[in-house]
Amino acid sequence: LGYCRVNDMVVTPLGVQVVILGAKPDSEGTMRLWAQYPGELVSPLEPKTPEEFQEMGYRRAHEALHILRNKELNEERRQEQLSNVEWEELLPANMEVGESTLPSMSTANVTVVSEPSAASPPSSPPGY
């Protein structure tokens, strides 16, 4: 309908956050926005025009909420995809799932030598 898109989050005049599912005609043949309310309830929104949408107090949720929602959805999809991977088939035969591919680094034979930097100021003699 031009003032909302599918999957937009909208805040109703009572402060309930809904997700726009799309537009379809109501029983009278007028195009209406349909939204999903918390608890999976699906219902048309009351305003029929962009002007009514604004006048009645409906507003699009802040962009940050859309970003957070999309981030969470993408993370869920990523985790689902990773859980479907047959890791045993992808890893070399001598490696187990969860084992690191990097060689272990021991610091037992490492000596750290620090030299004064040319950019560091000289230290003051004692008593100053």
C-alpha atoms as a PDB file:
ATOM      1  CA  LEU A   1       0.000   0.000   0.000  1.00  0.00           C
ATOM      2  CA  GLY A   2       3.031   2.255  -0.074  1.00  0.00           C
ATOM      3  CA  TYR A   3       3.431   3.208   3.567  1.00  0.00           C
ATOM      4  CA  CYS A   4       4.551  -0.172   4.914  1.00  0.00           C
ATOM      5  CA  ARG A   5       6.375  -3.162   3.527  1.00  0.00           C
ATOM      6  CA  VAL A   6       6.172  -6.858   4.306  1.00  0.00           C
ATOM      7  CA  ASN A   7       8.090  -7.702   7.522  1.00  0.00           C
ATOM      8  CA  ASP A   8       8.066  -4.086   8.728  1.00  0.00           C
ATOM      9  CA  MET A   9       7.572  -3.805  12.456  1.00  0.00           C
ATOM     10  CA  VAL A  10       4.837  -1.339  13.364  1.00  0.00           C
ATOM     11  CA  VAL A  11       3.865   0.057  16.741  1.00  0.00           C
ATOM     12  CA  THR A  12       0.102   0.385  17.219  1.00  0.00           C
ATOM     13  CA  PRO A  13      -1.476   3.341  19.085  1.00  0.00           C
ATOM     14  CA  LEU A  14      -1.608   1.150  22.222  1.00  0.00           C
ATOM     15  CA  GLY A  15       2.115   0.378  21.981  1.00  0.00           C
ATOM     16  CA  VAL A  16       1.789  -3.204  20.724  1.00  0.00           C
ATOM     17  CA  GLN A  17       4.489  -4.137  18.245  1.00  0.00           C
ATOM     18  CA  VAL A  18       3.205  -6.052  15.202  1.00  0.00           C
ATOM     19  CA  VAL A  19       4.816  -7.377  12.024  1.00  0.00           C
ATOM     20  CA  ILE A  20       3.274  -6.562   8.645  1.00  0.00           C
ATOM     21  CA  LEU A  21       2.441  -9.724   6.706  1.00  0.00           C
ATOM     22  CA  GLY A  22       1.117  -8.039   3.586  1.00  0.00           C
ATOM     23  CA  ALA A  23      -1.989  -6.492   2.086  1.00  0.00           C
ATOM     24  CA  LYS A  24      -5.158  -8.177   0.930  1.00  0.00           C
ATOM     25  CA  PRO A  25      -8.756  -7.111   0.497  1.00  0.00           C
ATOM     26  CA  ASP A  26     -11.124  -7.319   3.444  1.00  0.00           C
ATOM     27  CA  SER A  27     -14.723  -8.592   3.191  1.00  0.00           C
ATOM     28  CA  GLU A  28     -15.780  -5.266   1.628  1.00  0.00           C
ATOM     29  CA  GLY A  29     -13.051  -5.415  -1.038  1.00  0.00           C
ATOM     30  CA  THR A  30     -10.922  -2.631   0.468  1.00  0.00           C
ATOM     31  CA  MET A  31      -7.179  -3.314   0.559  1.00  0.00           C
ATOM     32  CA  ARG A  32      -6.010  -3.648   4.175  1.00  0.00           C
ATOM     33  CA  LEU A  33      -2.671  -4.266   5.831  1.00  0.00           C
ATOM     34  CA  TRP A  34      -2.556  -7.550   7.721  1.00  0.00           C
ATOM     35  CA  ALA A  35      -0.304  -7.894  10.724  1.00  0.00           C
ATOM     36  CA  GLN A  36       0.853 -10.591  13.088  1.00  0.00           C
ATOM     37  CA  TYR A  37       0.395  -9.662  16.743  1.00  0.00           C
ATOM     38  CA  PRO A  38       2.276 -11.210  19.663  1.00  0.00           C
ATOM     39  CA  GLY A  39       0.970 -14.714  20.289  1.00  0.00           C
ATOM     40  CA  GLU A  40       0.736 -15.437  16.525  1.00  0.00           C
ATOM     41  CA  LEU A  41      -2.633 -13.638  16.181  1.00  0.00           C
ATOM     42  CA  VAL A  42      -3.159 -12.415  12.591  1.00  0.00           C
ATOM     43  CA  SER A  43      -5.557  -9.539  11.973  1.00  0.00           C
ATOM     44  CA  PRO A  44      -6.047  -6.581   9.615  1.00  0.00           C
ATOM     45  CA  LEU A  45      -4.962  -3.158  10.822  1.00  0.00           C
ATOM     46  CA  GLU A  46      -7.668  -0.509  11.117  1.00  0.00           C
ATOM     47  CA  PRO A  47      -6.188   2.263   8.914  1.00  0.00           C
ATOM     48  CA  LYS A  48      -6.859   1.938   5.200  1.00  0.00           C
ATOM     49  CA  THR A  49      -4.733   4.833   3.904  1.00  0.00           C
ATOM     50  CA  PRO A  50      -1.335   6.305   4.745  1.00  0.00           C
ATOM     51  CA  GLU A  51      -3.074   9.376   6.174  1.00  0.00           C
ATOM     52  CA  GLU A  52      -5.244   7.257   8.501  1.00  0.00           C
ATOM     53  CA  PHE A  53      -2.165   5.263   9.454  1.00  0.00           C
ATOM     54  CA  GLN A  54      -0.477   8.404  10.761  1.00  0.00           C
ATOM     55  CA  GLU A  55      -3.588  10.090  12.170  1.00  0.00           C
ATOM     56  CA  MET A  56      -4.537   7.041  14.230  1.00  0.00           C
ATOM     57  CA  GLY A  57      -1.083   6.861  15.811  1.00  0.00           C
ATOM     58  CA  TYR A  58       0.425   3.871  14.015  1.00  0.00           C
ATOM     59  CA  ARG A  59       4.127   4.226  13.303  1.00  0.00           C
ATOM     60  CA  ARG A  60       6.954   2.166  11.930  1.00  0.00           C
ATOM     61  CA  ALA A  61       9.204   0.806  14.681  1.00  0.00           C
ATOM     62  CA  HIS A  62      12.674   2.307  15.010  1.00  0.00           C
ATOM     63  CA  GLU A  63      15.200   1.028  12.468  1.00  0.00           C
ATOM     64  CA  ALA A  64      17.402  -0.345  15.271  1.00  0.00           C
ATOM     65  CA  LEU A  65      14.634  -2.808  16.196  1.00  0.00           C
ATOM     66  CA  HIS A  66      14.486  -4.008  12.594  1.00  0.00           C
ATOM     67  CA  ILE A  67      18.269  -4.490  12.560  1.00  0.00           C
ATOM     68  CA  LEU A  68      18.259  -6.432  15.839  1.00  0.00           C
ATOM     69  CA  ARG A  69      15.397  -8.633  14.669  1.00  0.00           C
ATOM     70  CA  ASN A  70      17.166  -9.376  11.370  1.00  0.00           C
ATOM     71  CA  LYS A  71      20.427 -10.106  13.179  1.00  0.00           C
ATOM     72  CA  GLU A  72      18.687 -12.618  15.440  1.00  0.00           C
ATOM     73  CA  LEU A  73      16.909 -14.269  12.487  1.00  0.00           C
ATOM     74  CA  ASN A  74      20.176 -14.509  10.531  1.00  0.00           C
ATOM     75  CA  GLU A  75      21.960 -16.021  13.545  1.00  0.00           C
ATOM     76  CA  GLU A  76      19.189 -18.603  13.971  1.00  0.00           C
ATOM     77  CA  ARG A  77      19.421 -19.535  10.271  1.00  0.00           C
ATOM     78  CA  ARG A  78      23.210 -19.753  10.518  1.00  0.00           C
ATOM     79  CA  GLN A  79      23.034 -22.044  13.549  1.00  0.00           C
ATOM     80  CA  GLU A  80      20.453 -24.226  11.785  1.00  0.00           C
ATOM     81  CA  GLN A  81      22.666 -24.510   8.708  1.00  0.00           C
ATOM     82  CA  LEU A  82      25.723 -25.342  10.819  1.00  0.00           C
ATOM     83  CA  SER A  83      23.805 -28.026  12.718  1.00  0.00           C
ATOM     84  CA  ASN A  84      22.951 -29.731   9.413  1.00  0.00           C
ATOM     85  CA  VAL A  85      26.605 -30.054   8.341  1.00  0.00           C
ATOM     86  CA  GLU A  86      28.120 -33.531   8.508  1.00  0.00           C
ATOM     87  CA  TRP A  87      31.386 -32.411  10.107  1.00  0.00           C
ATOM     88  CA  GLU A  88      32.841 -35.920  10.234  1.00  0.00           C
ATOM     89  CA  GLU A  89      32.681 -36.084   6.426  1.00  0.00           C
ATOM     90  CA  LEU A  90      34.452 -32.713   6.028  1.00  0.00           C
ATOM     91  CA  LEU A  91      37.318 -33.198   8.508  1.00  0.00           C
ATOM     92  CA  PRO A  92      40.439 -35.239   7.820  1.00  0.00           C
ATOM     93  CA  ALA A  93      40.254 -38.843   9.061  1.00  0.00           C
ATOM     94  CA  ASN A  94      42.802 -38.261  11.863  1.00  0.00           C
ATOM     95  CA  MET A  95      40.967 -35.253  13.327  1.00  0.00           C
ATOM     96  CA  GLU A  96      38.017 -35.245  15.691  1.00  0.00           C
ATOM     97  CA  VAL A  97      35.187 -32.723  15.856  1.00  0.00           C
ATOM     98  CA  GLY A  98      36.119 -29.887  18.225  1.00  0.00           C
ATOM     99  CA  GLU A  99      39.874 -30.422  17.830  1.00  0.00           C
ATOM    100  CA  SER A 100      41.861 -27.364  16.794  1.00  0.00           C
ATOM    101  CA  THR A 101      43.649 -27.383  13.453  1.00  0.00           C
ATOM    102  CA  LEU A 102      46.408 -25.078  14.706  1.00  0.00           C
ATOM    103  CA  PRO A 103      49.612 -26.539  16.177  1.00  0.00           C
ATOM    104  CA  SER A 104      50.020 -25.943  19.870  1.00  0.00           C
ATOM    105  CA  MET A 105      52.438 -23.178  20.739  1.00  0.00           C
ATOM    106  CA  SER A 106      54.517 -23.528  23.845  1.00  0.00           C
ATOM    107  CA  THR A 107      56.031 -20.443  25.442  1.00  0.00           C
ATOM    108  CA  ALA A 108      58.434 -22.432  27.623  1.00  0.00           C
ATOM    109  CA  ASN A 109      61.464 -21.717  25.379  1.00  0.00           C
ATOM    110  CA  VAL A 110      60.569 -18.119  24.513  1.00  0.00           C
ATOM    111  CA  THR A 111      62.522 -15.213  26.000  1.00  0.00           C
ATOM    112  CA  VAL A 112      61.012 -11.756  25.723  1.00  0.00           C
ATOM    113  CA  VAL A 113      63.538  -8.978  25.350  1.00  0.00           C
ATOM    114  CA  SER A 114      62.326  -5.435  25.526  1.00  0.00           C
ATOM    115  CA  GLU A 115      64.436  -2.574  24.312  1.00  0.00           C
ATOM    116  CA  PRO A 116      63.654   1.043  25.117  1.00  0.00           C
ATOM    117  CA  SER A 117      61.876   2.724  22.295  1.00  0.00           C
ATOM    118  CA  ALA A 118      63.394   5.803  20.696  1.00  0.00           C
ATOM    119  CA  ALA A 119      60.034   7.501  21.066  1.00  0.00           C
ATOM    120  CA  SER A 120      59.796   6.908  24.829  1.00  0.00           C
ATOM    121  CA  PRO A 121      60.978   9.790  27.041  1.00  0.00           C
ATOM    122  CA  PRO A 122      64.056   9.246  29.223  1.00  0.00           C
ATOM    123  CA  SER A 123      63.344   8.362  32.809  1.00  0.00           C
ATOM    124  CA  SER A 124      64.011  11.004  35.444  1.00  0.00           C
ATOM    125  CA  PRO A 125      66.854  10.468  37.892  1.00  0.00           C
ATOM    126  CA  PRO A 126      65.779   9.607  41.435  1.00  0.00           C
ATOM    127  CA  GLY A 127      64.858  12.567  43.601  1.00  0.00           C
ATOM    128  CA  TYR A 128      63.347  14.778  40.897  1.00  0.00           C
END
